[in-house]
Protein backbone atom coordinates (compact mmCIF):
# COMPACT_ATOMS: atom_id res chain seq x y z
CA MET A 1 -0.76 2.57 176.51
CA SER A 2 1.07 4.71 178.42
CA LYS A 3 4.11 5.89 177.56
CA SER A 4 6.10 4.64 180.74
CA THR A 5 4.50 1.57 180.30
CA ILE A 6 5.55 1.22 176.80
CA ARG A 7 9.08 2.14 177.98
CA THR A 8 8.91 -0.09 180.86
CA LEU A 9 7.82 -3.20 178.90
CA ILE A 10 10.62 -2.51 176.20
CA ILE A 11 13.00 -2.47 178.99
CA SER A 12 11.27 -5.72 180.45
CA VAL A 13 11.79 -7.62 176.75
CA CYS A 14 15.20 -6.47 176.27
CA LEU A 15 16.22 -7.47 180.02
CA LEU A 16 14.25 -10.99 179.09
CA THR A 17 16.05 -11.54 175.96
CA LEU A 18 19.60 -10.68 177.63
CA ALA A 19 18.66 -13.17 180.36
CA VAL A 20 17.59 -15.71 177.77
CA VAL A 21 20.88 -15.21 175.98
CA VAL A 22 23.22 -15.14 179.17
CA PHE A 23 21.10 -18.46 180.36
CA GLY A 24 21.78 -20.16 176.87
CA VAL A 25 25.51 -19.02 176.72
CA THR A 26 25.77 -20.42 180.41
CA ALA A 27 24.36 -23.84 179.29
CA TYR A 28 26.65 -24.07 176.56
CA GLN A 29 29.36 -23.30 178.41
CA ALA A 30 28.16 -25.88 180.89
CA SER A 31 27.88 -28.62 178.41
CA ASN A 32 31.10 -27.80 176.60
CA GLN A 33 32.93 -28.19 180.24
CA GLY A 34 30.99 -31.12 180.74
CA HIS A 35 32.33 -32.98 177.64
CA LYS A 36 36.08 -31.88 178.50
CA LEU A 37 35.36 -33.15 182.03
CA GLU A 38 34.57 -36.54 180.52
CA ASP A 39 37.37 -36.53 177.92
CA GLN A 40 39.76 -36.02 181.04
CA LEU A 41 38.38 -38.61 183.28
CA ALA A 42 38.24 -40.98 180.38
CA ALA A 43 42.36 -39.92 180.02
CA LEU A 44 42.67 -40.01 183.86
CA ALA A 45 40.85 -43.79 183.67
CA ALA A 46 43.43 -44.53 180.86
CA SER A 47 46.15 -43.38 182.62
CA ARG A 48 45.40 -45.08 186.38
CA ALA A 49 45.05 -48.62 184.23
CA GLN A 50 48.45 -48.30 182.40
CA GLU A 51 49.97 -47.20 186.13
CA ASN A 52 48.47 -50.55 187.59
CA SER A 53 49.23 -52.70 184.71
CA TYR A 54 53.04 -51.82 185.01
CA TYR A 55 52.87 -52.03 188.77
CA ARG A 56 51.47 -55.49 188.21
CA LEU A 57 54.16 -56.27 185.90
CA GLN A 58 56.92 -54.97 188.13
CA ASN A 59 55.44 -57.37 190.89
CA ILE A 60 55.13 -60.29 188.59
CA ALA A 61 58.94 -59.65 187.33
CA GLU A 62 59.93 -59.52 190.95
CA ASN A 63 58.14 -62.41 192.33
CA THR A 64 59.03 -64.75 189.55
CA THR A 65 62.93 -64.18 189.69
CA ASP A 66 63.63 -67.25 191.14
CA ASP A 67 61.22 -69.16 189.13
CA ARG A 68 63.21 -67.70 186.00
CA GLU A 69 66.25 -68.45 187.71
CA VAL A 70 65.20 -72.29 187.65
CA VAL A 71 64.23 -72.18 183.73
CA ARG A 72 67.56 -70.55 183.17
CA SER A 73 69.26 -73.33 184.98
CA TYR A 74 67.82 -75.79 182.27
CA PHE A 75 69.51 -74.41 179.69
CA LEU A 76 73.55 -73.70 178.92
CA GLU A 77 73.49 -70.11 179.52
CA ASN A 78 75.46 -69.40 176.28
CA GLU A 79 78.10 -71.66 173.97
CA SER A 80 81.20 -71.59 176.10
CA SER A 81 79.54 -72.72 179.33
CA SER A 82 79.43 -75.94 177.20
CA ILE A 83 83.11 -76.46 178.44
CA ASP A 84 81.81 -76.61 182.15
CA PHE A 85 78.92 -78.96 180.93
CA LEU A 86 81.62 -81.36 179.27
CA ASN A 87 83.78 -80.97 182.16
CA HIS A 88 81.06 -82.01 184.87
CA LEU A 89 80.40 -85.38 182.55
CA GLU A 90 83.99 -85.64 182.29
CA THR A 91 83.99 -85.97 186.22
CA LEU A 92 80.78 -87.94 186.39
CA ALA A 93 81.84 -90.61 184.63
CA PRO A 94 84.72 -92.24 186.52
CA GLU A 95 82.86 -91.29 189.64
CA MET A 96 80.52 -94.15 188.07
CA GLY A 97 83.24 -96.65 187.15
CA LEU A 98 83.46 -95.58 183.46
CA SER A 99 86.05 -94.26 181.23
CA PHE A 100 84.94 -91.36 179.02
CA GLU A 101 86.11 -89.68 175.99
CA THR A 102 84.50 -87.11 174.37
CA ARG A 103 84.60 -87.23 170.55
CA GLU A 104 82.71 -84.17 169.33
CA LEU A 105 81.33 -80.73 170.40
CA SER A 106 79.79 -78.58 167.89
CA LYS A 107 76.81 -76.13 167.41
CA VAL A 108 73.84 -77.11 165.72
CA THR A 109 70.85 -74.77 164.62
CA GLU A 110 67.37 -76.43 164.27
CA ALA A 111 65.71 -74.97 161.23
CA GLU A 112 62.01 -75.16 162.09
CA THR A 113 62.61 -73.54 165.52
CA ASN A 114 65.79 -71.37 164.60
CA SER A 115 66.68 -72.94 168.06
CA HIS A 116 70.28 -73.47 169.08
CA TRP A 117 71.78 -76.49 170.28
CA ILE A 118 75.26 -77.53 171.57
CA LYS A 119 75.79 -81.33 169.69
CA THR A 120 78.15 -83.51 171.28
CA SER A 121 79.42 -87.11 171.10
CA PHE A 122 81.54 -89.29 173.56
CA ASP A 123 82.62 -92.98 173.96
CA PHE A 124 82.53 -94.68 177.39
CA SER A 125 82.82 -97.78 178.47
CA GLY A 126 82.20 -100.19 181.55
CA SER A 127 79.99 -102.84 182.73
CA LYS A 128 76.47 -103.11 181.56
CA GLU A 129 74.80 -102.00 184.74
CA GLN A 130 77.25 -98.85 184.65
CA ILE A 131 76.59 -97.64 181.29
CA ASN A 132 73.01 -98.13 181.76
CA ASN A 133 73.02 -96.07 184.99
CA PHE A 134 75.40 -93.13 183.25
CA ILE A 135 72.43 -92.87 180.47
CA LYS A 136 69.67 -92.69 182.95
CA VAL A 137 71.71 -89.93 184.68
CA LEU A 138 72.12 -88.08 181.20
CA GLU A 139 68.49 -88.60 180.42
CA ASN A 140 67.87 -86.69 183.74
CA LEU A 141 70.56 -84.21 183.60
CA PRO A 142 68.78 -80.79 184.58
CA TYR A 143 69.15 -79.03 181.17
CA THR A 144 66.65 -78.94 178.18
CA SER A 145 68.70 -81.90 176.39
CA ARG A 146 67.89 -84.85 174.06
CA LEU A 147 69.49 -88.06 173.36
CA THR A 148 69.99 -88.51 169.64
CA LYS A 149 72.19 -91.48 169.08
CA VAL A 150 72.89 -94.40 172.06
CA ASP A 151 74.87 -97.43 170.72
CA LEU A 152 75.77 -99.98 172.99
CA LYS A 153 78.16 -102.89 171.89
CA LYS A 154 79.73 -105.48 174.01
CA GLY A 155 83.29 -105.69 174.22
CA GLU A 156 85.98 -107.99 175.91
CA GLY A 157 84.59 -109.88 178.99
CA ARG A 158 81.96 -107.95 180.86
CA ILE A 159 82.88 -104.49 179.53
CA TRP A 160 80.72 -102.94 177.16
CA GLN A 161 80.90 -99.99 175.10
CA ALA A 162 78.30 -97.43 174.42
CA GLU A 163 78.51 -94.13 171.63
CA VAL A 164 76.43 -91.42 172.88
CA THR A 165 75.22 -88.19 170.90
CA MET A 166 73.51 -85.47 172.62
CA GLN A 167 72.22 -82.19 172.31
CA VAL A 168 71.59 -79.20 175.14
CA ARG A 169 69.64 -76.36 174.42
CA LEU A 170 71.55 -72.87 174.44
CA LEU A 171 69.60 -70.02 176.03
CA HIS A 172 71.72 -67.36 173.96
CA TYR A 173 73.83 -67.72 170.72
CA ASP A 174 77.11 -66.03 171.11
CA GLY A 175 77.47 -66.47 166.79
């Protein structure tokens, strides 16, 4: 082989080696960039999912405002609102023809659920029908409540006396 052929061959082999090295480095870089792109796409998808979840929760919060207010109305807001509740009962009883007297007002904590209740005991008297109607009203008050004791006693003539103990759930506890 001639000198120029050998030189051309050596230059060709060097160029071929250089081309293979450049191609290998380019392929490695493309693969590395592809993995970075996949990681960035996964992070973007997670970020979008979190953003969509935030917007859904925000919409739920806005759309359920009325429902939450209705549910809140079934509870006494706090301990001090029990006075308003008792005033309501003391106004309602005479409107139904009953004499009404509050005997006790206290806080009770249910041990099993750690829920807080206002316990109130009161006496009222009137005709048997008036008392039964008032007890029905107490049972159907728009609060989370329960009658824990109802005692009826016949008084003089057509007068009946009732002793009632009831509990109304507190939404917030002040103590």
